[in-house]
Amino acid sequence: MNRAALRPALRWFRAFASNKVKTMSDQKPINWTNARTLIALAILVGTELVGASWAAGARPASSDWLQRT
């Protein structure tokens, strides 16, 4: 393998081994406002995907109650 291609990885490894690189736990705490936003986004996207699949004709196996009305 080309030694020049490995230089960035070796530089990072040396910095990590000498504790110059901060780990995830050493960095800032979780910004809960951003975390709540991402969770809400995941819920909304999931709901859209379920709605789109139902609109395309894919129904869950337990949809007998929908056909009775």
N, C-alpha and C. Protein backbone atom coordinates (compact mmCIF):
# COMPACT_ATOMS: atom_id res chain seq x y z
N MET A 1 0.85 -1.18 0.00
CA MET A 1 0.00 0.00 0.00
C MET A 1 0.89 1.25 0.00
N ASN A 2 0.38 2.27 -0.60
CA ASN A 2 1.12 3.53 -0.71
C ASN A 2 1.24 4.18 0.68
N ARG A 3 2.46 4.47 1.09
CA ARG A 3 2.70 5.04 2.41
C ARG A 3 2.11 6.45 2.53
N ALA A 4 2.09 7.18 1.43
CA ALA A 4 1.53 8.53 1.47
C ALA A 4 0.03 8.50 1.75
N ALA A 5 -0.63 7.45 1.30
CA ALA A 5 -2.07 7.34 1.54
C ALA A 5 -2.37 7.07 3.01
N LEU A 6 -1.43 6.47 3.71
CA LEU A 6 -1.64 6.14 5.12
C LEU A 6 -1.27 7.27 6.08
N ARG A 7 -0.62 8.29 5.59
CA ARG A 7 -0.14 9.36 6.48
C ARG A 7 -1.25 10.02 7.30
N PRO A 8 -2.39 10.40 6.70
CA PRO A 8 -3.44 11.02 7.54
C PRO A 8 -3.93 10.09 8.65
N ALA A 9 -4.08 8.80 8.33
CA ALA A 9 -4.54 7.86 9.34
C ALA A 9 -3.50 7.70 10.44
N LEU A 10 -2.22 7.63 10.07
CA LEU A 10 -1.17 7.50 11.06
C LEU A 10 -1.08 8.75 11.93
N ARG A 11 -1.27 9.91 11.33
CA ARG A 11 -1.23 11.16 12.09
C ARG A 11 -2.36 11.19 13.12
N TRP A 12 -3.54 10.76 12.69
CA TRP A 12 -4.68 10.73 13.60
C TRP A 12 -4.44 9.73 14.72
N PHE A 13 -3.92 8.54 14.37
CA PHE A 13 -3.67 7.52 15.37
C PHE A 13 -2.66 7.98 16.41
N ARG A 14 -1.62 8.64 15.96
CA ARG A 14 -0.61 9.15 16.90
C ARG A 14 -1.21 10.20 17.83
N ALA A 15 -2.04 11.09 17.28
CA ALA A 15 -2.68 12.11 18.10
C ALA A 15 -3.65 11.46 19.10
N PHE A 16 -4.37 10.44 18.65
CA PHE A 16 -5.32 9.75 19.53
C PHE A 16 -4.58 9.02 20.64
N ALA A 17 -3.48 8.37 20.28
CA ALA A 17 -2.70 7.62 21.26
C ALA A 17 -2.07 8.55 22.31
N SER A 18 -1.77 9.77 21.93
CA SER A 18 -1.19 10.71 22.88
C SER A 18 -2.25 11.55 23.59
N ASN A 19 -3.53 11.18 23.46
CA ASN A 19 -4.66 11.84 24.12
C ASN A 19 -4.85 13.29 23.67
N LYS A 20 -4.42 13.64 22.48
CA LYS A 20 -4.68 14.98 21.97
C LYS A 20 -6.04 15.07 21.30
N VAL A 21 -6.60 13.94 20.91
CA VAL A 21 -7.91 13.90 20.26
C VAL A 21 -8.97 13.68 21.33
N LYS A 22 -10.00 14.53 21.34
CA LYS A 22 -11.07 14.38 22.31
C LYS A 22 -12.01 13.27 21.87
N THR A 23 -12.44 12.48 22.82
CA THR A 23 -13.43 11.46 22.53
C THR A 23 -14.81 12.09 22.59
N MET A 24 -15.83 11.32 22.20
CA MET A 24 -17.19 11.85 22.20
C MET A 24 -17.63 12.29 23.60
N SER A 25 -17.23 11.55 24.62
CA SER A 25 -17.65 11.88 25.97
C SER A 25 -16.92 13.11 26.51
N ASP A 26 -15.78 13.44 25.94
CA ASP A 26 -15.03 14.62 26.40
C ASP A 26 -15.55 15.91 25.77
N GLN A 27 -16.34 15.79 24.73
CA GLN A 27 -16.82 16.97 24.04
C GLN A 27 -18.07 17.52 24.71
N LYS A 28 -18.74 18.43 24.04
CA LYS A 28 -19.91 19.10 24.61
C LYS A 28 -21.03 18.09 24.91
N PRO A 29 -21.88 18.41 25.89
CA PRO A 29 -23.02 17.52 26.17
C PRO A 29 -24.05 17.59 25.04
N ILE A 30 -24.99 16.68 25.07
CA ILE A 30 -26.02 16.61 24.03
C ILE A 30 -26.89 17.86 24.09
N ASN A 31 -27.13 18.46 22.94
CA ASN A 31 -28.06 19.57 22.83
C ASN A 31 -29.45 18.97 22.65
N TRP A 32 -30.25 18.98 23.74
CA TRP A 32 -31.53 18.29 23.72
C TRP A 32 -32.55 18.95 22.81
N THR A 33 -32.39 20.23 22.52
CA THR A 33 -33.30 20.87 21.56
C THR A 33 -33.11 20.25 20.18
N ASN A 34 -31.86 20.07 19.78
CA ASN A 34 -31.59 19.43 18.49
C ASN A 34 -32.02 17.97 18.49
N ALA A 35 -31.82 17.28 19.60
CA ALA A 35 -32.21 15.88 19.68
C ALA A 35 -33.73 15.73 19.55
N ARG A 36 -34.49 16.60 20.21
CA ARG A 36 -35.95 16.55 20.10
C ARG A 36 -36.40 16.84 18.68
N THR A 37 -35.72 17.77 18.02
CA THR A 37 -36.06 18.09 16.64
C THR A 37 -35.83 16.89 15.74
N LEU A 38 -34.72 16.19 15.91
CA LEU A 38 -34.44 15.02 15.09
C LEU A 38 -35.42 13.88 15.36
N ILE A 39 -35.82 13.70 16.61
CA ILE A 39 -36.80 12.67 16.94
C ILE A 39 -38.15 13.00 16.32
N ALA A 40 -38.57 14.26 16.40
CA ALA A 40 -39.83 14.67 15.79
C ALA A 40 -39.78 14.50 14.28
N LEU A 41 -38.66 14.82 13.68
CA LEU A 41 -38.50 14.64 12.25
C LEU A 41 -38.61 13.18 11.85
N ALA A 42 -38.01 12.29 12.63
CA ALA A 42 -38.09 10.86 12.35
C ALA A 42 -39.53 10.36 12.44
N ILE A 43 -40.28 10.86 13.43
CA ILE A 43 -41.68 10.46 13.57
C ILE A 43 -42.49 10.94 12.38
N LEU A 44 -42.28 12.19 11.97
CA LEU A 44 -43.03 12.73 10.85
C LEU A 44 -42.70 12.01 9.54
N VAL A 45 -41.44 11.73 9.31
CA VAL A 45 -41.05 11.03 8.08
C VAL A 45 -41.62 9.62 8.10
N GLY A 46 -41.58 8.95 9.24
CA GLY A 46 -42.16 7.61 9.33
C GLY A 46 -43.64 7.61 9.05
N THR A 47 -44.35 8.61 9.56
CA THR A 47 -45.78 8.73 9.31
C THR A 47 -46.05 8.96 7.83
N GLU A 48 -45.24 9.79 7.20
CA GLU A 48 -45.40 10.04 5.77
C GLU A 48 -45.17 8.77 4.96
N LEU A 49 -44.18 7.98 5.35
CA LEU A 49 -43.90 6.73 4.63
C LEU A 49 -45.05 5.74 4.77
N VAL A 50 -45.62 5.64 5.96
CA VAL A 50 -46.76 4.75 6.16
C VAL A 50 -47.95 5.24 5.33
N GLY A 51 -48.21 6.54 5.36
CA GLY A 51 -49.32 7.09 4.57
C GLY A 51 -49.12 6.90 3.08
N ALA A 52 -47.90 7.08 2.61
CA ALA A 52 -47.63 6.88 1.18
C ALA A 52 -47.80 5.42 0.79
N SER A 53 -47.38 4.51 1.66
CA SER A 53 -47.54 3.09 1.33
C SER A 53 -49.01 2.70 1.33
N TRP A 54 -49.79 3.25 2.24
CA TRP A 54 -51.23 2.97 2.24
C TRP A 54 -51.90 3.57 1.01
N ALA A 55 -51.47 4.76 0.62
CA ALA A 55 -52.05 5.39 -0.57
C ALA A 55 -51.71 4.59 -1.83
N ALA A 56 -50.58 3.91 -1.81
CA ALA A 56 -50.17 3.10 -2.96
C ALA A 56 -50.88 1.75 -2.97
N GLY A 57 -51.63 1.43 -1.93
CA GLY A 57 -52.40 0.20 -1.92
C GLY A 57 -51.85 -0.86 -0.99
N ALA A 58 -50.76 -0.61 -0.34
CA ALA A 58 -50.22 -1.59 0.61
C ALA A 58 -50.93 -1.40 1.94
N ARG A 59 -51.63 -2.42 2.37
CA ARG A 59 -52.34 -2.37 3.64
C ARG A 59 -51.73 -3.39 4.59
N PRO A 60 -51.76 -3.10 5.88
CA PRO A 60 -51.27 -4.09 6.83
C PRO A 60 -52.18 -5.32 6.86
N ALA A 61 -51.68 -6.43 7.33
CA ALA A 61 -52.44 -7.68 7.34
C ALA A 61 -53.68 -7.58 8.22
N SER A 62 -53.66 -6.74 9.23
CA SER A 62 -54.80 -6.62 10.15
C SER A 62 -55.71 -5.46 9.77
N SER A 63 -55.96 -5.27 8.48
CA SER A 63 -56.80 -4.14 8.04
C SER A 63 -58.22 -4.58 7.73
N ASP A 64 -58.70 -5.69 8.34
CA ASP A 64 -60.07 -6.16 8.09
C ASP A 64 -61.09 -5.13 8.54
N TRP A 65 -60.79 -4.40 9.61
CA TRP A 65 -61.73 -3.42 10.12
C TRP A 65 -61.93 -2.27 9.14
N LEU A 66 -60.96 -2.03 8.25
CA LEU A 66 -61.11 -0.98 7.26
C LEU A 66 -62.08 -1.39 6.17
N GLN A 67 -62.16 -2.67 5.85
CA GLN A 67 -63.01 -3.14 4.77
C GLN A 67 -64.44 -3.33 5.21
N ARG A 68 -64.72 -3.41 6.50
CA ARG A 68 -66.08 -3.61 7.00
C ARG A 68 -66.92 -2.36 6.91
N THR A 69 -66.31 -1.20 6.86
CA THR A 69 -67.08 0.06 6.88
C THR A 69 -67.53 0.43 5.49
